């Protein structure tokens, strides 16, 4: 299994993993529109990997198999300061 990873030009730190290269038709229209232009950044062989840096590899594999895509959003920023 391979994943083709695309970076959103409109949403910072947002990536879409696709099961098929340039297979954008699997994206819901509203999602595709909100992401804007997608730029291919890498191709990942998922069979030989045990983990990914910022995504759960099992979830990526499951969603690629069932939906044809996986959406990786930016990490959540948590403030370490006490509320005012």
C-alpha atoms as a PDB file:
ATOM      1  CA  UNK A   1       0.000   0.000   0.000  1.00  0.00           C
ATOM      2  CA  UNK A   2       1.251   3.453  -0.950  1.00  0.00           C
ATOM      3  CA  UNK A   3       0.115   6.889   0.120  1.00  0.00           C
ATOM      4  CA  UNK A   4       0.545   9.981  -1.979  1.00  0.00           C
ATOM      5  CA  UNK A   5       0.870  12.960   0.354  1.00  0.00           C
ATOM      6  CA  UNK A   6      -0.296  16.418  -0.721  1.00  0.00           C
ATOM      7  CA  UNK A   7       0.089  19.736   1.099  1.00  0.00           C
ATOM      8  CA  UNK A   8      -2.719  22.266   1.066  1.00  0.00           C
ATOM      9  CA  UNK A   9      -1.649  25.608  -0.359  1.00  0.00           C
ATOM     10  CA  UNK A  10      -4.484  27.336   1.516  1.00  0.00           C
ATOM     11  CA  UNK A  11      -4.377  25.671   4.979  1.00  0.00           C
ATOM     12  CA  UNK A  12      -1.041  25.675   6.793  1.00  0.00           C
ATOM     13  CA  UNK A  13       0.220  22.292   8.096  1.00  0.00           C
ATOM     14  CA  UNK A  14      -2.703  20.465   6.469  1.00  0.00           C
ATOM     15  CA  UNK A  15      -1.979  17.371   4.404  1.00  0.00           C
ATOM     16  CA  UNK A  16      -4.096  14.917   2.426  1.00  0.00           C
ATOM     17  CA  UNK A  17      -2.963  11.333   1.958  1.00  0.00           C
ATOM     18  CA  UNK A  18      -4.443   9.707  -1.151  1.00  0.00           C
ATOM     19  CA  UNK A  19      -4.505   6.028  -2.082  1.00  0.00           C
ATOM     20  CA  UNK A  20      -4.150   6.955  -5.778  1.00  0.00           C
ATOM     21  CA  UNK A  21      -1.795   9.577  -7.213  1.00  0.00           C
ATOM     22  CA  UNK A  22      -3.844  12.657  -8.168  1.00  0.00           C
ATOM     23  CA  UNK A  23      -7.037  10.800  -7.140  1.00  0.00           C
ATOM     24  CA  UNK A  24      -8.714  13.998  -5.948  1.00  0.00           C
ATOM     25  CA  UNK A  25     -12.204  12.783  -6.956  1.00  0.00           C
ATOM     26  CA  UNK A  26     -12.467  10.882  -3.618  1.00  0.00           C
ATOM     27  CA  UNK A  27     -12.422  14.171  -1.679  1.00  0.00           C
ATOM     28  CA  UNK A  28     -15.814  15.614  -0.753  1.00  0.00           C
ATOM     29  CA  UNK A  29     -16.334  18.768  -2.857  1.00  0.00           C
ATOM     30  CA  UNK A  30     -16.545  21.113   0.169  1.00  0.00           C
ATOM     31  CA  UNK A  31     -13.287  19.718   1.576  1.00  0.00           C
ATOM     32  CA  UNK A  32     -11.490  19.976  -1.761  1.00  0.00           C
ATOM     33  CA  UNK A  33     -12.632  23.568  -2.148  1.00  0.00           C
ATOM     34  CA  UNK A  34     -11.548  24.543   1.381  1.00  0.00           C
ATOM     35  CA  UNK A  35      -8.079  23.042   0.885  1.00  0.00           C
ATOM     36  CA  UNK A  36      -7.430  24.866  -2.380  1.00  0.00           C
ATOM     37  CA  UNK A  37      -4.594  23.697  -4.599  1.00  0.00           C
ATOM     38  CA  UNK A  38      -2.865  20.545  -3.369  1.00  0.00           C
ATOM     39  CA  UNK A  39       0.846  20.050  -4.010  1.00  0.00           C
ATOM     40  CA  UNK A  40       2.391  16.572  -4.054  1.00  0.00           C
ATOM     41  CA  UNK A  41       5.139  16.441  -1.423  1.00  0.00           C
ATOM     42  CA  UNK A  42       5.948  12.725  -1.168  1.00  0.00           C
ATOM     43  CA  UNK A  43       5.015   9.141  -1.870  1.00  0.00           C
ATOM     44  CA  UNK A  44       5.121   6.812   1.130  1.00  0.00           C
ATOM     45  CA  UNK A  45       5.225   3.019   1.011  1.00  0.00           C
ATOM     46  CA  UNK A  46       3.034   2.167   4.013  1.00  0.00           C
ATOM     47  CA  UNK A  47       3.675  -1.587   3.919  1.00  0.00           C
ATOM     48  CA  UNK A  48       7.261  -1.226   5.115  1.00  0.00           C
ATOM     49  CA  UNK A  49       6.560   1.413   7.790  1.00  0.00           C
ATOM     50  CA  UNK A  50       5.623   0.852  11.400  1.00  0.00           C
ATOM     51  CA  UNK A  51       4.791   4.466  12.254  1.00  0.00           C
ATOM     52  CA  UNK A  52       4.455   7.974  10.901  1.00  0.00           C
ATOM     53  CA  UNK A  53       5.701  11.184  12.493  1.00  0.00           C
ATOM     54  CA  UNK A  54       2.358  12.964  12.991  1.00  0.00           C
ATOM     55  CA  UNK A  55      -0.337  10.441  12.175  1.00  0.00           C
ATOM     56  CA  UNK A  56      -1.439   7.020  13.407  1.00  0.00           C
ATOM     57  CA  UNK A  57      -0.344   4.661  10.646  1.00  0.00           C
ATOM     58  CA  UNK A  58      -3.174   2.184  11.330  1.00  0.00           C
ATOM     59  CA  UNK A  59      -5.760   4.946  11.009  1.00  0.00           C
ATOM     60  CA  UNK A  60      -4.105   6.185   7.789  1.00  0.00           C
ATOM     61  CA  UNK A  61      -4.187   2.676   6.317  1.00  0.00           C
ATOM     62  CA  UNK A  62      -7.818   2.143   7.373  1.00  0.00           C
ATOM     63  CA  UNK A  63      -9.041   5.435   5.919  1.00  0.00           C
ATOM     64  CA  UNK A  64      -7.086   4.995   2.688  1.00  0.00           C
ATOM     65  CA  UNK A  65      -8.681   1.565   2.296  1.00  0.00           C
ATOM     66  CA  UNK A  66     -12.217   2.640   3.141  1.00  0.00           C
ATOM     67  CA  UNK A  67     -12.442   6.259   1.917  1.00  0.00           C
ATOM     68  CA  UNK A  68      -9.450   6.600  -0.387  1.00  0.00           C
ATOM     69  CA  UNK A  69      -8.027   9.520   1.595  1.00  0.00           C
ATOM     70  CA  UNK A  70      -6.803  10.587   5.032  1.00  0.00           C
ATOM     71  CA  UNK A  71      -6.814  14.202   6.214  1.00  0.00           C
ATOM     72  CA  UNK A  72      -3.971  15.288   8.510  1.00  0.00           C
ATOM     73  CA  UNK A  73      -4.782  18.533  10.319  1.00  0.00           C
ATOM     74  CA  UNK A  74      -2.286  20.763  12.129  1.00  0.00           C
ATOM     75  CA  UNK A  75      -1.485  19.746  15.690  1.00  0.00           C
ATOM     76  CA  UNK A  76      -3.597  21.346  18.386  1.00  0.00           C
ATOM     77  CA  UNK A  77      -1.816  24.108  20.261  1.00  0.00           C
ATOM     78  CA  UNK A  78      -2.345  23.933  24.010  1.00  0.00           C
ATOM     79  CA  UNK A  79      -1.535  26.933  26.138  1.00  0.00           C
ATOM     80  CA  UNK A  80       0.564  26.243  29.190  1.00  0.00           C
ATOM     81  CA  UNK A  81      -0.368  29.571  30.717  1.00  0.00           C
ATOM     82  CA  UNK A  82      -3.078  29.669  33.381  1.00  0.00           C
ATOM     83  CA  UNK A  83      -6.372  31.309  32.308  1.00  0.00           C
ATOM     84  CA  UNK A  84      -6.814  34.928  33.311  1.00  0.00           C
END
